[in-house]
C-alpha atoms as a PDB file:
ATOM      1  CA  ASN A   1      -3.123 -12.368  -2.981  1.00  0.00           C
ATOM      2  CA  GLU A   2      -2.376 -12.909  -6.539  1.00  0.00           C
ATOM      3  CA  GLY A   3      -1.057  -8.771  -7.447  1.00  0.00           C
ATOM      4  CA  LEU A   4       0.444  -9.907  -4.249  1.00  0.00           C
ATOM      5  CA  GLU A   5       2.680 -11.908  -4.775  1.00  0.00           C
ATOM      6  CA  ASN A   6       2.625 -10.816  -8.963  1.00  0.00           C
ATOM      7  CA  THR A   7       4.589  -7.861  -7.148  1.00  0.00           C
ATOM      8  CA  LEU A   8       6.885  -8.864  -5.027  1.00  0.00           C
ATOM      9  CA  LYS A   9       8.130 -10.443  -7.843  1.00  0.00           C
ATOM     10  CA  VAL A  10       8.397  -7.273  -9.389  1.00  0.00           C
ATOM     11  CA  ILE A  11      10.223  -5.514  -7.160  1.00  0.00           C
ATOM     12  CA  TRP A  12      12.335  -8.257  -4.936  1.00  0.00           C
ATOM     13  CA  ASN A  13      14.917  -6.999  -5.798  1.00  0.00           C
ATOM     14  CA  GLU A  14      14.367  -3.437  -4.284  1.00  0.00           C
ATOM     15  CA  LEU A  15      12.825  -5.499  -1.154  1.00  0.00           C
ATOM     16  CA  LYS A  16      15.412  -8.723  -0.155  1.00  0.00           C
ATOM     17  CA  TYR A  17      18.873  -6.486   1.030  1.00  0.00           C
ATOM     18  CA  ASN A  18      16.738  -4.901   4.369  1.00  0.00           C
ATOM     19  CA  CYS A  19      12.888  -6.529   4.788  1.00  0.00           C
ATOM     20  CA  THR A  20      11.194  -9.254   5.257  1.00  0.00           C
ATOM     21  CA  ILE A  21       8.216 -10.044   3.579  1.00  0.00           C
ATOM     22  CA  LYS A  22       5.787 -11.581   6.134  1.00  0.00           C
ATOM     23  CA  LYS A  23       2.405 -12.295   5.089  1.00  0.00           C
ATOM     24  CA  ASP A  24      -1.105 -13.509   5.910  1.00  0.00           C
ATOM     25  CA  PHE A  25      -2.676 -13.578   3.118  1.00  0.00           C
ATOM     26  CA  GLY A  26      -6.232 -14.730   4.215  1.00  0.00           C
ATOM     27  CA  ASP A  27      -9.333 -16.593   1.672  1.00  0.00           C
ATOM     28  CA  LEU A  28     -10.540 -14.029  -0.073  1.00  0.00           C
ATOM     29  CA  PRO A  29     -13.739 -13.836  -3.900  1.00  0.00           C
ATOM     30  CA  GLN A  30     -12.946 -12.067  -6.378  1.00  0.00           C
ATOM     31  CA  VAL A  31     -12.679  -8.589  -6.530  1.00  0.00           C
ATOM     32  CA  LEU A  32     -14.159  -6.881  -9.840  1.00  0.00           C
ATOM     33  CA  CYS A  33     -10.595  -4.371 -10.238  1.00  0.00           C
ATOM     34  CA  TYR A  34      -8.228  -3.612 -12.835  1.00  0.00           C
ATOM     35  CA  PRO A  35      -5.580  -6.015 -11.621  1.00  0.00           C
ATOM     36  CA  ASP A  36      -2.653  -3.189 -13.534  1.00  0.00           C
ATOM     37  CA  GLN A  37      -4.382  -0.431 -11.956  1.00  0.00           C
ATOM     38  CA  ILE A  38      -5.461  -1.652  -8.102  1.00  0.00           C
ATOM     39  CA  ASN A  39      -1.134  -3.633  -8.807  1.00  0.00           C
ATOM     40  CA  GLN A  40       0.823  -0.435  -8.971  1.00  0.00           C
ATOM     41  CA  VAL A  41      -1.192   1.022  -5.775  1.00  0.00           C
ATOM     42  CA  PHE A  42       0.885  -2.573  -4.730  1.00  0.00           C
ATOM     43  CA  LEU A  43       3.926  -1.249  -5.424  1.00  0.00           C
ATOM     44  CA  ASN A  44       3.654   1.976  -4.879  1.00  0.00           C
ATOM     45  CA  LEU A  45       2.774   0.836  -0.831  1.00  0.00           C
ATOM     46  CA  LEU A  46       5.337  -1.617  -0.624  1.00  0.00           C
ATOM     47  CA  LEU A  47       8.501   0.177  -2.781  1.00  0.00           C
ATOM     48  CA  ASN A  48       7.294   3.289   0.723  1.00  0.00           C
ATOM     49  CA  ALA A  49       7.458   0.699   3.266  1.00  0.00           C
ATOM     50  CA  ALA A  50      10.819  -0.324   2.214  1.00  0.00           C
ATOM     51  CA  GLN A  51      12.723   3.450   1.687  1.00  0.00           C
ATOM     52  CA  ALA A  52      10.875   3.938   4.842  1.00  0.00           C
ATOM     53  CA  ILE A  53      12.592   0.846   6.706  1.00  0.00           C
ATOM     54  CA  PRO A  54      16.925   2.306   7.032  1.00  0.00           C
ATOM     55  CA  GLU A  55      18.208  -0.897   7.780  1.00  0.00           C
ATOM     56  CA  LYS A  56      16.742  -3.595   8.174  1.00  0.00           C
ATOM     57  CA  GLY A  57      13.174  -4.220   9.608  1.00  0.00           C
ATOM     58  CA  VAL A  58       9.813  -6.067   8.153  1.00  0.00           C
ATOM     59  CA  ILE A  59       7.157  -5.315   5.833  1.00  0.00           C
ATOM     60  CA  ALA A  60       3.760  -7.385   6.909  1.00  0.00           C
ATOM     61  CA  ILE A  61       1.376  -7.458   4.606  1.00  0.00           C
ATOM     62  CA  SER A  62      -1.866  -8.783   5.739  1.00  0.00           C
ATOM     63  CA  THR A  63      -5.292  -9.547   3.482  1.00  0.00           C
ATOM     64  CA  GLY A  64      -9.248 -10.221   4.675  1.00  0.00           C
ATOM     65  CA  VAL A  65     -12.424 -10.536   4.067  1.00  0.00           C
ATOM     66  CA  GLU A  66     -14.369  -7.222   5.924  1.00  0.00           C
ATOM     67  CA  ASN A  67     -18.153  -7.149   4.758  1.00  0.00           C
ATOM     68  CA  ASP A  68     -18.612  -6.948   0.566  1.00  0.00           C
ATOM     69  CA  GLY A  69     -15.404  -6.252   0.038  1.00  0.00           C
ATOM     70  CA  VAL A  70     -12.176  -6.735   1.384  1.00  0.00           C
ATOM     71  CA  THR A  71      -8.396  -5.819   3.160  1.00  0.00           C
ATOM     72  CA  VAL A  72      -5.173  -5.505   2.201  1.00  0.00           C
ATOM     73  CA  THR A  73      -2.913  -4.041   4.634  1.00  0.00           C
ATOM     74  CA  ILE A  74       0.624  -3.390   4.534  1.00  0.00           C
ATOM     75  CA  THR A  75       2.759  -1.961   7.252  1.00  0.00           C
ATOM     76  CA  ASP A  76       6.456  -1.575   8.028  1.00  0.00           C
ATOM     77  CA  THR A  77       8.684  -1.156  10.832  1.00  0.00           C
ATOM     78  CA  GLY A  78       9.997   2.184   9.643  1.00  0.00           C
ATOM     79  CA  LYS A  79      10.531   5.231  10.427  1.00  0.00           C
ATOM     80  CA  GLY A  80       6.174   6.263  11.269  1.00  0.00           C
ATOM     81  CA  ILE A  81       5.685   9.590   9.394  1.00  0.00           C
ATOM     82  CA  PRO A  82       5.489  12.988  11.838  1.00  0.00           C
ATOM     83  CA  GLU A  83       1.771  13.879  12.854  1.00  0.00           C
ATOM     84  CA  GLU A  84       2.162  17.150  10.722  1.00  0.00           C
ATOM     85  CA  ASN A  85       2.574  15.344   7.306  1.00  0.00           C
ATOM     86  CA  MET A  86      -0.359  12.939   7.904  1.00  0.00           C
ATOM     87  CA  ASN A  87      -2.979  14.986   6.261  1.00  0.00           C
ATOM     88  CA  LYS A  88      -0.681  16.144   2.973  1.00  0.00           C
ATOM     89  CA  LEU A  89       0.327  11.771   1.837  1.00  0.00           C
ATOM     90  CA  PHE A  90      -2.247  11.411  -0.186  1.00  0.00           C
ATOM     91  CA  GLU A  91      -1.006  15.245  -1.965  1.00  0.00           C
ATOM     92  CA  PRO A  92      -0.129  15.329  -6.205  1.00  0.00           C
ATOM     93  CA  PHE A  93       3.861  16.346  -5.007  1.00  0.00           C
ATOM     94  CA  PHE A  94       3.489  16.347  -1.668  1.00  0.00           C
ATOM     95  CA  THR A  95       7.129  14.246   0.144  1.00  0.00           C
ATOM     96  CA  THR A  96      10.030  13.654   2.204  1.00  0.00           C
ATOM     97  CA  LYS A  97      12.285  12.112  -0.195  1.00  0.00           C
ATOM     98  CA  ALA A  98      15.805  14.037  -0.644  1.00  0.00           C
ATOM     99  CA  PRO A  99      15.793  15.690  -4.502  1.00  0.00           C
ATOM    100  CA  GLY A 100      15.235  12.938  -7.384  1.00  0.00           C
ATOM    101  CA  GLN A 101      14.254  10.506  -4.406  1.00  0.00           C
ATOM    102  CA  GLY A 102      10.137  10.692  -5.462  1.00  0.00           C
ATOM    103  CA  THR A 103       8.679  12.243  -7.996  1.00  0.00           C
ATOM    104  CA  GLY A 104       5.806  12.816  -4.397  1.00  0.00           C
ATOM    105  CA  LEU A 105       2.774  11.041  -6.750  1.00  0.00           C
ATOM    106  CA  GLY A 106       2.663   7.192  -5.848  1.00  0.00           C
ATOM    107  CA  LEU A 107       0.428   8.501  -3.163  1.00  0.00           C
ATOM    108  CA  SER A 108      -1.603  10.396  -5.231  1.00  0.00           C
ATOM    109  CA  ILE A 109      -2.062   7.984  -8.241  1.00  0.00           C
ATOM    110  CA  SER A 110      -2.831   5.327  -5.193  1.00  0.00           C
ATOM    111  CA  TYR A 111      -5.291   7.235  -3.366  1.00  0.00           C
ATOM    112  CA  GLY A 112      -7.031   7.540  -6.768  1.00  0.00           C
ATOM    113  CA  ILE A 113      -7.037   4.706  -8.472  1.00  0.00           C
ATOM    114  CA  ILE A 114      -9.048   3.607  -4.822  1.00  0.00           C
ATOM    115  CA  GLN A 115     -11.082   5.786  -4.601  1.00  0.00           C
ATOM    116  CA  THR A 116     -12.026   4.829  -8.980  1.00  0.00           C
ATOM    117  CA  HIS A 117     -12.768   1.411  -7.688  1.00  0.00           C
ATOM    118  CA  GLY A 118     -15.507   2.411  -4.893  1.00  0.00           C
ATOM    119  CA  GLY A 119     -12.657   1.799  -2.304  1.00  0.00           C
ATOM    120  CA  THR A 120     -11.022   3.959   0.471  1.00  0.00           C
ATOM    121  CA  ILE A 121      -7.276   4.699   1.907  1.00  0.00           C
ATOM    122  CA  GLU A 122      -6.456   4.280   5.917  1.00  0.00           C
ATOM    123  CA  VAL A 123      -3.179   5.081   7.397  1.00  0.00           C
ATOM    124  CA  GLU A 124      -2.249   5.077  10.856  1.00  0.00           C
ATOM    125  CA  SER A 125       1.836   5.783  11.780  1.00  0.00           C
ATOM    126  CA  GLN A 126       4.095   6.669  14.893  1.00  0.00           C
ATOM    127  CA  VAL A 127       6.821   7.748  14.369  1.00  0.00           C
ATOM    128  CA  GLY A 128       9.999   5.263  14.683  1.00  0.00           C
ATOM    129  CA  GLU A 129       7.867   2.451  15.180  1.00  0.00           C
ATOM    130  CA  GLY A 130       6.592   2.337  11.724  1.00  0.00           C
ATOM    131  CA  THR A 131       3.692   3.075   9.880  1.00  0.00           C
ATOM    132  CA  SER A 132       1.303   0.942   8.397  1.00  0.00           C
ATOM    133  CA  PHE A 133      -2.012   1.496   5.206  1.00  0.00           C
ATOM    134  CA  THR A 134      -5.166  -0.721   5.004  1.00  0.00           C
ATOM    135  CA  ILE A 135      -6.603  -0.733   1.598  1.00  0.00           C
ATOM    136  CA  HIS A 136     -11.044  -1.724   1.442  1.00  0.00           C
ATOM    137  CA  LEU A 137     -11.930  -3.054  -1.939  1.00  0.00           C
ATOM    138  CA  PRO A 138     -15.659  -3.427  -2.482  1.00  0.00           C
ATOM    139  CA  GLN A 139     -16.759  -6.456  -4.093  1.00  0.00           C
ATOM    140  CA  THR A 140     -17.745  -4.903  -7.070  1.00  0.00           C
ATOM    141  CA  MET A 141     -16.282  -1.407  -8.901  1.00  0.00           C
ATOM    142  CA  LYS A 142     -18.930   1.189  -8.330  1.00  0.00           C
ATOM    143  CA  GLY A 143     -21.548   1.336 -10.833  1.00  0.00           C
ATOM    144  CA  GLU A 144     -20.349  -1.686 -12.019  1.00  0.00           C
ATOM    145  CA  GLU A 145     -22.667  -4.195 -11.309  1.00  0.00           C
ATOM    146  CA  GLU A 146     -22.108  -8.136 -10.456  1.00  0.00           C
END
């Protein structure tokens, strides 16, 4: 939750003109992780969500406890992702943005960071309705003990 709050502060100027932020933060346990890396994932997902919203929209962020870890879900009311692009989202250099608007590395890097932490990242999307990314992070990282 703290990482999300810090990331929102950093990118607030990118969000404030066209996004309403709705937060539903659960009471989370401490998670063993590299906070700067996880914040980078949040940054990538939040900026993508903001850029997917053409004029005005909502980014909803929820957190909770699930099994032996935590979940973070970031949902936007943007334009959504066409089905034909869904299986390419995490590939390096894949982007639907105009040249000079994106590198196509944000989701690839995010995927790698979450994998390194022993977690998963899932996406659901409906064209014209929006997209939802859900991150599952274990309380302890792969190979680490409590």
